[in-house]
N, C-alpha and C. Protein backbone atom coordinates (compact mmCIF):
# COMPACT_ATOMS: atom_id res chain seq x y z
N UNK A 1 2.02 180.00 189.04
CA UNK A 1 2.13 181.18 188.72
C UNK A 1 3.48 182.06 189.48
N UNK A 2 4.02 182.13 187.88
CA UNK A 2 5.38 183.13 188.04
C UNK A 2 5.68 184.14 187.06
N UNK A 3 5.15 185.30 187.97
CA UNK A 3 5.09 186.64 187.24
C UNK A 3 6.12 187.15 186.64
N UNK A 4 7.10 186.79 187.10
CA UNK A 4 8.55 187.19 186.89
C UNK A 4 9.19 186.57 185.96
N UNK A 5 8.20 185.31 185.52
CA UNK A 5 8.86 185.00 183.82
C UNK A 5 7.93 185.33 182.67
N UNK A 6 8.97 186.10 182.07
CA UNK A 6 7.88 186.86 180.93
C UNK A 6 9.02 186.55 179.34
N UNK A 7 8.00 186.71 178.41
CA UNK A 7 8.73 186.49 177.09
C UNK A 7 7.74 187.19 175.98
N UNK A 8 8.12 187.61 175.28
CA UNK A 8 7.52 188.46 173.85
C UNK A 8 6.72 187.42 173.61
N UNK A 9 5.20 187.53 173.36
CA UNK A 9 4.66 186.60 172.39
C UNK A 9 3.99 186.85 170.99
N UNK A 10 4.33 186.04 170.47
CA UNK A 10 4.29 186.47 169.14
C UNK A 10 3.07 185.20 168.55
N UNK A 11 1.92 185.77 168.03
CA UNK A 11 0.75 184.24 167.29
C UNK A 11 0.76 184.76 165.89
N UNK A 12 -0.05 183.65 165.41
CA UNK A 12 -0.76 183.38 164.17
C UNK A 12 -1.94 183.21 164.46
N UNK A 13 -2.82 183.05 163.96
CA UNK A 13 -4.30 182.15 163.74
C UNK A 13 -4.91 182.04 162.60
N UNK A 14 -5.05 180.98 162.38
CA UNK A 14 -5.68 180.55 161.39
C UNK A 14 -7.34 180.59 161.38
N UNK A 15 -8.66 180.77 160.47
CA UNK A 15 -9.83 180.90 161.52
C UNK A 15 -10.59 181.11 160.03
N UNK A 16 -11.87 181.02 159.90
CA UNK A 16 -13.02 180.82 159.05
C UNK A 16 -13.31 182.42 159.00
N UNK A 17 -13.05 182.94 157.70
CA UNK A 17 -13.19 184.25 157.06
C UNK A 17 -13.91 184.83 157.60
N UNK A 18 -15.25 184.42 158.09
CA UNK A 18 -16.58 185.44 158.61
C UNK A 18 -16.07 185.20 160.11
N UNK A 19 -14.79 184.75 160.66
CA UNK A 19 -15.11 185.47 162.40
C UNK A 19 -14.38 186.38 162.67
N UNK A 20 -14.48 186.95 163.44
CA UNK A 20 -13.53 187.98 164.08
C UNK A 20 -12.67 187.07 164.83
N UNK A 21 -11.61 187.58 164.92
CA UNK A 21 -10.21 187.52 165.78
C UNK A 21 -9.47 188.29 166.14
N UNK A 22 -9.51 188.71 167.62
CA UNK A 22 -9.08 189.45 168.44
C UNK A 22 -8.11 189.00 169.68
N UNK A 23 -6.91 189.89 169.69
CA UNK A 23 -5.98 189.79 171.03
C UNK A 23 -5.35 190.86 171.46
N UNK A 24 -4.89 190.58 172.45
CA UNK A 24 -4.38 191.94 173.35
C UNK A 24 -3.24 192.34 172.35
N UNK A 25 -3.09 191.96 171.30
CA UNK A 25 -1.75 192.76 170.54
C UNK A 25 -2.39 193.31 169.48
N UNK A 26 -1.99 193.92 168.12
CA UNK A 26 -2.55 194.43 167.12
C UNK A 26 -2.49 193.13 166.07
N UNK A 27 -3.41 193.31 165.49
CA UNK A 27 -3.23 192.35 164.03
C UNK A 27 -2.63 193.27 163.17
N UNK A 28 -0.94 192.46 162.92
CA UNK A 28 -0.56 193.52 161.78
C UNK A 28 -0.81 193.13 160.20
N UNK A 29 -1.55 192.02 160.21
CA UNK A 29 -1.45 191.46 159.00
C UNK A 29 -3.28 190.23 158.72
N UNK A 30 -3.65 190.52 157.82
CA UNK A 30 -4.51 189.48 157.35
C UNK A 30 -4.71 189.17 156.07
N UNK A 31 -4.66 187.58 155.60
CA UNK A 31 -4.52 187.31 154.33
C UNK A 31 -5.46 186.07 154.19
N UNK A 32 -5.30 185.83 152.86
CA UNK A 32 -6.38 185.08 152.81
C UNK A 32 -5.80 183.33 152.92
N UNK A 33 -6.64 182.53 153.30
CA UNK A 33 -5.66 181.12 153.99
C UNK A 33 -6.14 179.85 152.81
N UNK A 34 -6.11 178.63 152.94
CA UNK A 34 -6.59 177.77 152.51
C UNK A 34 -8.37 177.77 152.73
N UNK A 35 -8.81 177.18 151.71
CA UNK A 35 -10.44 176.83 151.47
C UNK A 35 -10.84 179.15 151.72
N UNK A 36 -12.03 178.58 152.66
CA UNK A 36 -12.66 180.00 153.37
C UNK A 36 -12.20 180.36 154.50
N UNK A 37 -11.01 180.70 154.69
CA UNK A 37 -10.19 181.01 155.96
C UNK A 37 -9.08 182.00 155.97
N UNK A 38 -8.95 182.98 156.81
CA UNK A 38 -8.07 183.71 156.71
C UNK A 38 -6.77 183.62 157.61
N UNK A 39 -5.39 184.01 157.50
CA UNK A 39 -4.93 183.83 158.43
C UNK A 39 -4.61 185.35 159.23
N UNK A 40 -4.43 185.46 160.38
CA UNK A 40 -4.19 186.70 161.16
C UNK A 40 -2.89 186.62 161.88
N UNK A 41 -2.38 187.40 161.86
CA UNK A 41 -0.79 187.55 162.40
C UNK A 41 -1.03 188.61 163.13
N UNK A 42 -0.25 188.60 164.43
CA UNK A 42 -0.48 189.52 165.31
C UNK A 42 1.05 190.25 165.83
N UNK A 43 0.91 191.26 166.06
CA UNK A 43 2.34 191.58 166.41
C UNK A 43 2.91 191.28 167.75
N UNK A 44 4.02 190.89 168.03
CA UNK A 44 4.75 190.49 169.20
C UNK A 44 4.47 191.44 170.24
N UNK A 45 4.26 191.15 171.38
CA UNK A 45 3.89 191.36 172.90
C UNK A 45 5.03 192.12 173.32
N UNK A 46 5.00 192.89 174.42
CA UNK A 46 6.40 193.04 175.29
C UNK A 46 6.41 192.10 176.16
N UNK A 47 7.23 191.82 176.42
CA UNK A 47 7.78 190.44 177.51
C UNK A 47 6.44 190.88 178.32
N UNK A 48 6.19 189.47 178.61
CA UNK A 48 4.53 189.79 179.68
C UNK A 48 4.24 188.26 179.99
N UNK A 49 4.05 187.84 181.14
CA UNK A 49 3.52 186.28 181.45
C UNK A 49 2.54 185.66 180.56
N UNK A 50 2.67 184.54 180.01
CA UNK A 50 1.95 184.05 178.98
C UNK A 50 0.36 183.54 179.17
N UNK A 51 -0.02 183.80 180.80
CA UNK A 51 -1.27 184.06 181.02
C UNK A 51 -2.07 185.19 181.34
N UNK A 52 -1.46 185.97 180.56
CA UNK A 52 -2.12 187.73 180.07
C UNK A 52 -2.47 187.72 179.04
N UNK A 53 -2.52 186.85 177.80
CA UNK A 53 -2.57 187.03 176.64
C UNK A 53 -3.83 185.99 176.50
N UNK A 54 -4.61 186.82 175.71
CA UNK A 54 -6.03 186.77 175.25
C UNK A 54 -5.89 186.66 173.79
N UNK A 55 -6.76 185.63 173.39
CA UNK A 55 -7.23 185.23 172.07
C UNK A 55 -8.93 185.17 171.82
N UNK A 56 -9.57 185.91 171.54
CA UNK A 56 -10.59 185.83 170.97
C UNK A 56 -11.38 185.80 169.83
N UNK A 57 -11.71 184.70 169.47
CA UNK A 57 -12.50 184.56 167.86
C UNK A 57 -13.46 183.45 167.99
N UNK A 58 -14.14 183.83 166.80
CA UNK A 58 -15.52 183.65 167.00
C UNK A 58 -16.27 184.37 165.82
N UNK A 59 -17.88 184.05 165.56
CA UNK A 59 -18.87 184.73 165.05
C UNK A 59 -19.38 185.89 166.06
N UNK A 60 -18.50 187.02 165.66
CA UNK A 60 -18.72 187.96 166.83
C UNK A 60 -18.87 189.33 165.89
N UNK A 61 -19.81 190.26 166.38
CA UNK A 61 -19.95 191.63 165.74
C UNK A 61 -19.55 192.66 166.68
N UNK A 62 -18.76 193.53 165.96
CA UNK A 62 -18.09 194.76 166.77
C UNK A 62 -18.60 195.94 166.86
N UNK A 63 -18.60 196.54 168.18
CA UNK A 63 -18.49 197.89 168.27
C UNK A 63 -17.43 198.86 168.59
N UNK A 64 -16.95 199.83 167.92
CA UNK A 64 -15.87 200.48 167.95
C UNK A 64 -15.96 202.08 168.23
N UNK A 65 -15.38 202.40 169.19
CA UNK A 65 -14.91 203.92 169.54
C UNK A 65 -13.64 204.28 170.17
N UNK A 66 -13.08 205.36 170.32
CA UNK A 66 -11.95 205.82 170.97
C UNK A 66 -12.21 206.34 172.09
N UNK A 67 -11.01 206.94 172.92
CA UNK A 67 -11.29 207.38 174.25
C UNK A 67 -9.27 208.62 173.68
N UNK A 68 -9.73 209.51 173.22
CA UNK A 68 -8.55 210.26 172.67
C UNK A 68 -7.67 209.18 171.99
N UNK A 69 -6.70 208.87 171.82
CA UNK A 69 -6.17 207.88 170.88
C UNK A 69 -6.26 206.01 171.33
N UNK A 70 -7.07 206.37 172.13
CA UNK A 70 -7.00 204.79 172.61
C UNK A 70 -7.78 204.06 172.12
N UNK A 71 -7.77 203.09 171.11
CA UNK A 71 -8.99 202.65 170.37
C UNK A 71 -9.60 201.82 171.57
N UNK A 72 -11.15 201.42 171.43
CA UNK A 72 -11.77 200.47 172.00
C UNK A 72 -13.09 199.69 171.27
N UNK A 73 -13.26 198.67 171.65
CA UNK A 73 -14.22 197.85 170.73
C UNK A 73 -14.72 196.79 171.97
N UNK A 74 -16.09 196.58 171.90
CA UNK A 74 -16.90 195.95 172.41
C UNK A 74 -17.67 194.58 171.16
N UNK A 75 -17.38 193.20 171.99
CA UNK A 75 -18.02 192.33 170.97
C UNK A 75 -18.79 191.69 171.47
N UNK A 76 -19.69 191.32 171.12
CA UNK A 76 -20.70 190.30 171.33
C UNK A 76 -21.30 189.08 170.18
N UNK A 77 -21.91 188.54 170.71
CA UNK A 77 -22.40 187.02 169.71
C UNK A 77 -23.26 187.93 168.24
N UNK A 78 -23.02 187.73 167.26
CA UNK A 78 -24.23 188.00 166.52
C UNK A 78 -25.57 187.95 166.71
N UNK A 79 -26.02 187.02 167.44
CA UNK A 79 -27.11 186.91 168.17
C UNK A 79 -28.06 188.08 168.92
N UNK A 80 -26.76 188.61 169.49
CA UNK A 80 -26.85 189.18 170.46
C UNK A 80 -26.92 190.90 170.17
N UNK A 81 -26.65 190.60 168.84
CA UNK A 81 -26.20 192.28 168.27
C UNK A 81 -27.37 193.26 168.40
N UNK A 82 -28.92 193.01 168.46
CA UNK A 82 -29.13 194.14 168.70
C UNK A 82 -30.06 194.09 170.20
N UNK A 83 -29.27 193.59 171.27
CA UNK A 83 -29.69 193.47 172.54
C UNK A 83 -28.26 194.64 172.76
N UNK A 84 -26.84 194.41 172.04
CA UNK A 84 -25.89 195.13 172.44
C UNK A 84 -25.86 196.69 171.58
N UNK A 85 -26.95 197.01 171.01
CA UNK A 85 -26.82 198.10 170.67
C UNK A 85 -27.90 199.29 171.10
N UNK A 86 -28.73 198.66 172.27
CA UNK A 86 -29.46 199.07 173.25
C UNK A 86 -28.31 199.69 174.29
N UNK A 87 -26.77 199.53 174.47
CA UNK A 87 -26.57 199.56 175.68
C UNK A 87 -24.62 200.26 175.33
N UNK A 88 -24.55 199.95 174.23
CA UNK A 88 -22.81 199.99 174.16
C UNK A 88 -23.03 201.97 174.00
N UNK A 89 -23.41 202.50 173.94
CA UNK A 89 -23.10 203.68 174.09
C UNK A 89 -23.05 204.31 175.71
N UNK A 90 -23.61 203.50 176.11
CA UNK A 90 -23.30 203.90 177.55
C UNK A 90 -22.04 202.90 177.96
N UNK A 91 -22.29 201.80 177.67
CA UNK A 91 -20.99 201.02 178.24
C UNK A 91 -19.71 201.95 178.03
N UNK A 92 -19.74 202.17 176.44
CA UNK A 92 -18.43 202.95 175.82
C UNK A 92 -18.37 204.52 176.95
N UNK A 93 -19.59 205.26 177.11
CA UNK A 93 -19.39 206.50 177.89
C UNK A 93 -18.94 205.76 179.26
N UNK A 94 -19.14 204.88 179.80
CA UNK A 94 -18.61 204.52 181.40
C UNK A 94 -16.79 204.37 181.56
N UNK A 95 -16.45 203.41 180.46
CA UNK A 95 -15.23 203.27 180.22
C UNK A 95 -14.18 204.66 179.61
N UNK A 96 -14.58 205.29 178.91
CA UNK A 96 -14.32 206.87 178.63
C UNK A 96 -14.47 207.49 179.78
N UNK A 97 -15.15 207.49 180.80
CA UNK A 97 -15.37 208.06 182.34
C UNK A 97 -13.86 207.71 183.41
N UNK A 98 -14.20 206.57 183.13
CA UNK A 98 -13.01 205.56 183.53
C UNK A 98 -11.22 205.78 184.00
N UNK A 99 -11.26 205.74 182.38
CA UNK A 99 -9.91 205.97 181.78
C UNK A 99 -10.00 207.36 182.00
N UNK A 100 -10.57 208.62 181.68
CA UNK A 100 -10.22 209.70 182.00
C UNK A 100 -9.81 209.99 183.74
N UNK A 101 -10.66 209.32 184.26
CA UNK A 101 -10.28 209.35 185.92
C UNK A 101 -8.76 208.86 186.60
N UNK A 102 -8.24 207.90 185.62
CA UNK A 102 -7.20 207.37 185.83
C UNK A 102 -5.89 207.85 185.48
N UNK A 103 -5.92 208.82 184.24
CA UNK A 103 -5.25 209.69 183.88
C UNK A 103 -4.50 210.41 184.74
């Protein structure tokens, strides 16, 4: 663990077209790849420790909202979509209230 060693991270992922692919940097381009796959190219991060980078890819559904100009999203497996729908509004509300508190 060396938090003082940082670098910008630049990521490109090829995954099945039906998958959600998200990271903690914005996706700047999604394009077709070979077969039934897509290539996702993410914006470079500012210099960060490599262990802070996150990538999630799989058969997920997303729920999206905003707090002011901050985009928010909650992802869950497709098989859990109906259960998440019962709670997603409350989860966004709690998160928005927390962001407001720390402004």
